[in-house]
Amino acid sequence: MTTAYRHGITVSSAPGKPRLPLPIEICVFDNGPGAPPDIADHLFDPFVSGRREGQGLGLALVDKLTRDMGGIVQYAREGIPEMTVLRLLLPRATS
């Protein structure tokens, strides 16, 4: 796991809306095989799992809680050798 503060990281919230700064980055790494390609685009949907015994609620909950805080969560396969990266991008707290 890594954490970082990334100056200048922004995402588009919607067409025509201002970009949102999401400078706080939390990355979780896993050296397993990753998600099966046929479900990779749906990992954050409820009840989607690549495991027989999986219920498919964990990543859906992570996505909901991250969005509730104004952030986003991303899934990627990166590096050599390739590994799974779950990246949470969050806004800075305001006072």
C-alpha atoms as a PDB file:
ATOM      1  CA  MET A   1       0.000   0.000   0.000  1.00  0.00           C
ATOM      2  CA  THR A   2       1.170   3.516  -0.736  1.00  0.00           C
ATOM      3  CA  THR A   3      -0.200   6.964  -0.019  1.00  0.00           C
ATOM      4  CA  ALA A   4       0.618  10.239  -1.697  1.00  0.00           C
ATOM      5  CA  TYR A   5      -0.475  13.838  -2.089  1.00  0.00           C
ATOM      6  CA  ARG A   6      -0.540  14.564  -5.837  1.00  0.00           C
ATOM      7  CA  HIS A   7      -0.638  18.261  -6.672  1.00  0.00           C
ATOM      8  CA  GLY A   8      -2.617  19.021  -9.816  1.00  0.00           C
ATOM      9  CA  ILE A   9      -4.613  15.770 -10.067  1.00  0.00           C
ATOM     10  CA  THR A  10      -8.146  16.608 -11.216  1.00  0.00           C
ATOM     11  CA  VAL A  11     -11.046  14.706 -12.736  1.00  0.00           C
ATOM     12  CA  SER A  12     -13.993  15.799 -14.807  1.00  0.00           C
ATOM     13  CA  SER A  13     -17.226  15.515 -12.836  1.00  0.00           C
ATOM     14  CA  ALA A  14     -19.517  16.086 -15.821  1.00  0.00           C
ATOM     15  CA  PRO A  15     -19.386  17.766 -19.228  1.00  0.00           C
ATOM     16  CA  GLY A  16     -19.304  21.536 -18.819  1.00  0.00           C
ATOM     17  CA  LYS A  17     -18.604  21.351 -15.074  1.00  0.00           C
ATOM     18  CA  PRO A  18     -15.327  22.417 -13.472  1.00  0.00           C
ATOM     19  CA  ARG A  19     -12.734  19.715 -12.860  1.00  0.00           C
ATOM     20  CA  LEU A  20     -12.517  18.443  -9.280  1.00  0.00           C
ATOM     21  CA  PRO A  21      -9.178  18.314  -7.465  1.00  0.00           C
ATOM     22  CA  LEU A  22      -8.515  14.846  -6.008  1.00  0.00           C
ATOM     23  CA  PRO A  23      -4.958  15.114  -4.656  1.00  0.00           C
ATOM     24  CA  ILE A  24      -5.026  12.342  -2.040  1.00  0.00           C
ATOM     25  CA  GLU A  25      -4.026   8.978  -3.499  1.00  0.00           C
ATOM     26  CA  ILE A  26      -4.194   5.624  -1.723  1.00  0.00           C
ATOM     27  CA  CYS A  27      -2.967   2.599  -3.703  1.00  0.00           C
ATOM     28  CA  VAL A  28      -3.451  -1.025  -2.710  1.00  0.00           C
ATOM     29  CA  PHE A  29      -1.362  -3.585  -4.623  1.00  0.00           C
ATOM     30  CA  ASP A  30      -1.963  -7.310  -5.135  1.00  0.00           C
ATOM     31  CA  ASN A  31       0.342  -9.678  -7.002  1.00  0.00           C
ATOM     32  CA  GLY A  32      -2.416 -12.219  -7.765  1.00  0.00           C
ATOM     33  CA  PRO A  33      -3.888 -12.922 -11.190  1.00  0.00           C
ATOM     34  CA  GLY A  34      -6.317  -9.979 -11.082  1.00  0.00           C
ATOM     35  CA  ALA A  35      -9.941  -9.955 -12.108  1.00  0.00           C
ATOM     36  CA  PRO A  36     -11.099 -12.101 -15.019  1.00  0.00           C
ATOM     37  CA  PRO A  37     -11.231  -9.927 -18.148  1.00  0.00           C
ATOM     38  CA  ASP A  38     -14.970 -10.520 -18.627  1.00  0.00           C
ATOM     39  CA  ILE A  39     -15.825  -8.809 -15.306  1.00  0.00           C
ATOM     40  CA  ALA A  40     -13.024  -6.220 -15.050  1.00  0.00           C
ATOM     41  CA  ASP A  41     -15.301  -3.424 -16.304  1.00  0.00           C
ATOM     42  CA  HIS A  42     -17.951  -4.331 -13.705  1.00  0.00           C
ATOM     43  CA  LEU A  43     -15.856  -4.910 -10.565  1.00  0.00           C
ATOM     44  CA  PHE A  44     -17.526  -2.111  -8.640  1.00  0.00           C
ATOM     45  CA  ASP A  45     -21.076  -3.275  -9.406  1.00  0.00           C
ATOM     46  CA  PRO A  46     -22.892  -5.113  -6.594  1.00  0.00           C
ATOM     47  CA  PHE A  47     -22.871  -8.927  -6.724  1.00  0.00           C
ATOM     48  CA  VAL A  48     -20.025  -9.160  -9.258  1.00  0.00           C
ATOM     49  CA  SER A  49     -17.251 -11.507  -8.155  1.00  0.00           C
ATOM     50  CA  GLY A  50     -14.524 -13.532  -9.806  1.00  0.00           C
ATOM     51  CA  ARG A  51     -14.558 -16.072  -6.970  1.00  0.00           C
ATOM     52  CA  ARG A  52     -17.047 -18.902  -6.528  1.00  0.00           C
ATOM     53  CA  GLU A  53     -17.533 -18.111  -2.842  1.00  0.00           C
ATOM     54  CA  GLY A  54     -17.466 -14.346  -3.412  1.00  0.00           C
ATOM     55  CA  GLN A  55     -20.548 -12.266  -2.742  1.00  0.00           C
ATOM     56  CA  GLY A  56     -19.437  -9.277  -4.808  1.00  0.00           C
ATOM     57  CA  LEU A  57     -20.142  -6.666  -2.152  1.00  0.00           C
ATOM     58  CA  GLY A  58     -16.658  -5.583  -1.019  1.00  0.00           C
ATOM     59  CA  LEU A  59     -15.589  -3.464  -3.988  1.00  0.00           C
ATOM     60  CA  ALA A  60     -19.124  -2.144  -4.477  1.00  0.00           C
ATOM     61  CA  LEU A  61     -19.002  -0.882  -0.885  1.00  0.00           C
ATOM     62  CA  VAL A  62     -15.527   0.615  -1.386  1.00  0.00           C
ATOM     63  CA  ASP A  63     -16.816   2.430  -4.479  1.00  0.00           C
ATOM     64  CA  LYS A  64     -19.917   3.763  -2.695  1.00  0.00           C
ATOM     65  CA  LEU A  65     -17.987   5.008   0.351  1.00  0.00           C
ATOM     66  CA  THR A  66     -15.319   6.596  -1.845  1.00  0.00           C
ATOM     67  CA  ARG A  67     -17.981   8.393  -3.936  1.00  0.00           C
ATOM     68  CA  ASP A  68     -19.754   9.499  -0.733  1.00  0.00           C
ATOM     69  CA  MET A  69     -16.494  11.260   0.209  1.00  0.00           C
ATOM     70  CA  GLY A  70     -16.310  12.935  -3.221  1.00  0.00           C
ATOM     71  CA  GLY A  71     -13.647  10.618  -4.638  1.00  0.00           C
ATOM     72  CA  ILE A  72     -13.218   7.844  -7.160  1.00  0.00           C
ATOM     73  CA  VAL A  73     -11.749   4.354  -7.096  1.00  0.00           C
ATOM     74  CA  GLN A  74      -9.992   2.762 -10.071  1.00  0.00           C
ATOM     75  CA  TYR A  75      -8.887  -0.780 -10.955  1.00  0.00           C
ATOM     76  CA  ALA A  76      -5.832  -1.375 -13.123  1.00  0.00           C
ATOM     77  CA  ARG A  77      -3.214  -3.997 -13.960  1.00  0.00           C
ATOM     78  CA  GLU A  78       0.206  -2.311 -13.918  1.00  0.00           C
ATOM     79  CA  GLY A  79       3.918  -2.921 -13.667  1.00  0.00           C
ATOM     80  CA  ILE A  80       6.366  -5.657 -14.582  1.00  0.00           C
ATOM     81  CA  PRO A  81       5.552  -8.233 -13.419  1.00  0.00           C
ATOM     82  CA  GLU A  82       1.943  -7.174 -13.724  1.00  0.00           C
ATOM     83  CA  MET A  83      -0.024  -6.636 -10.523  1.00  0.00           C
ATOM     84  CA  THR A  84      -3.458  -5.377  -9.538  1.00  0.00           C
ATOM     85  CA  VAL A  85      -3.676  -1.767  -8.373  1.00  0.00           C
ATOM     86  CA  LEU A  86      -6.739  -0.353  -6.645  1.00  0.00           C
ATOM     87  CA  ARG A  87      -6.303   3.426  -6.590  1.00  0.00           C
ATOM     88  CA  LEU A  88      -8.494   5.666  -4.448  1.00  0.00           C
ATOM     89  CA  LEU A  89      -8.412   9.370  -5.327  1.00  0.00           C
ATOM     90  CA  LEU A  90      -9.934  11.624  -2.676  1.00  0.00           C
ATOM     91  CA  PRO A  91     -10.487  15.350  -2.189  1.00  0.00           C
ATOM     92  CA  ARG A  92      -8.661  17.336   0.448  1.00  0.00           C
ATOM     93  CA  ALA A  93     -10.710  18.128   3.556  1.00  0.00           C
ATOM     94  CA  THR A  94     -12.113  21.634   3.718  1.00  0.00           C
ATOM     95  CA  SER A  95     -12.532  23.568   6.916  1.00  0.00           C
END
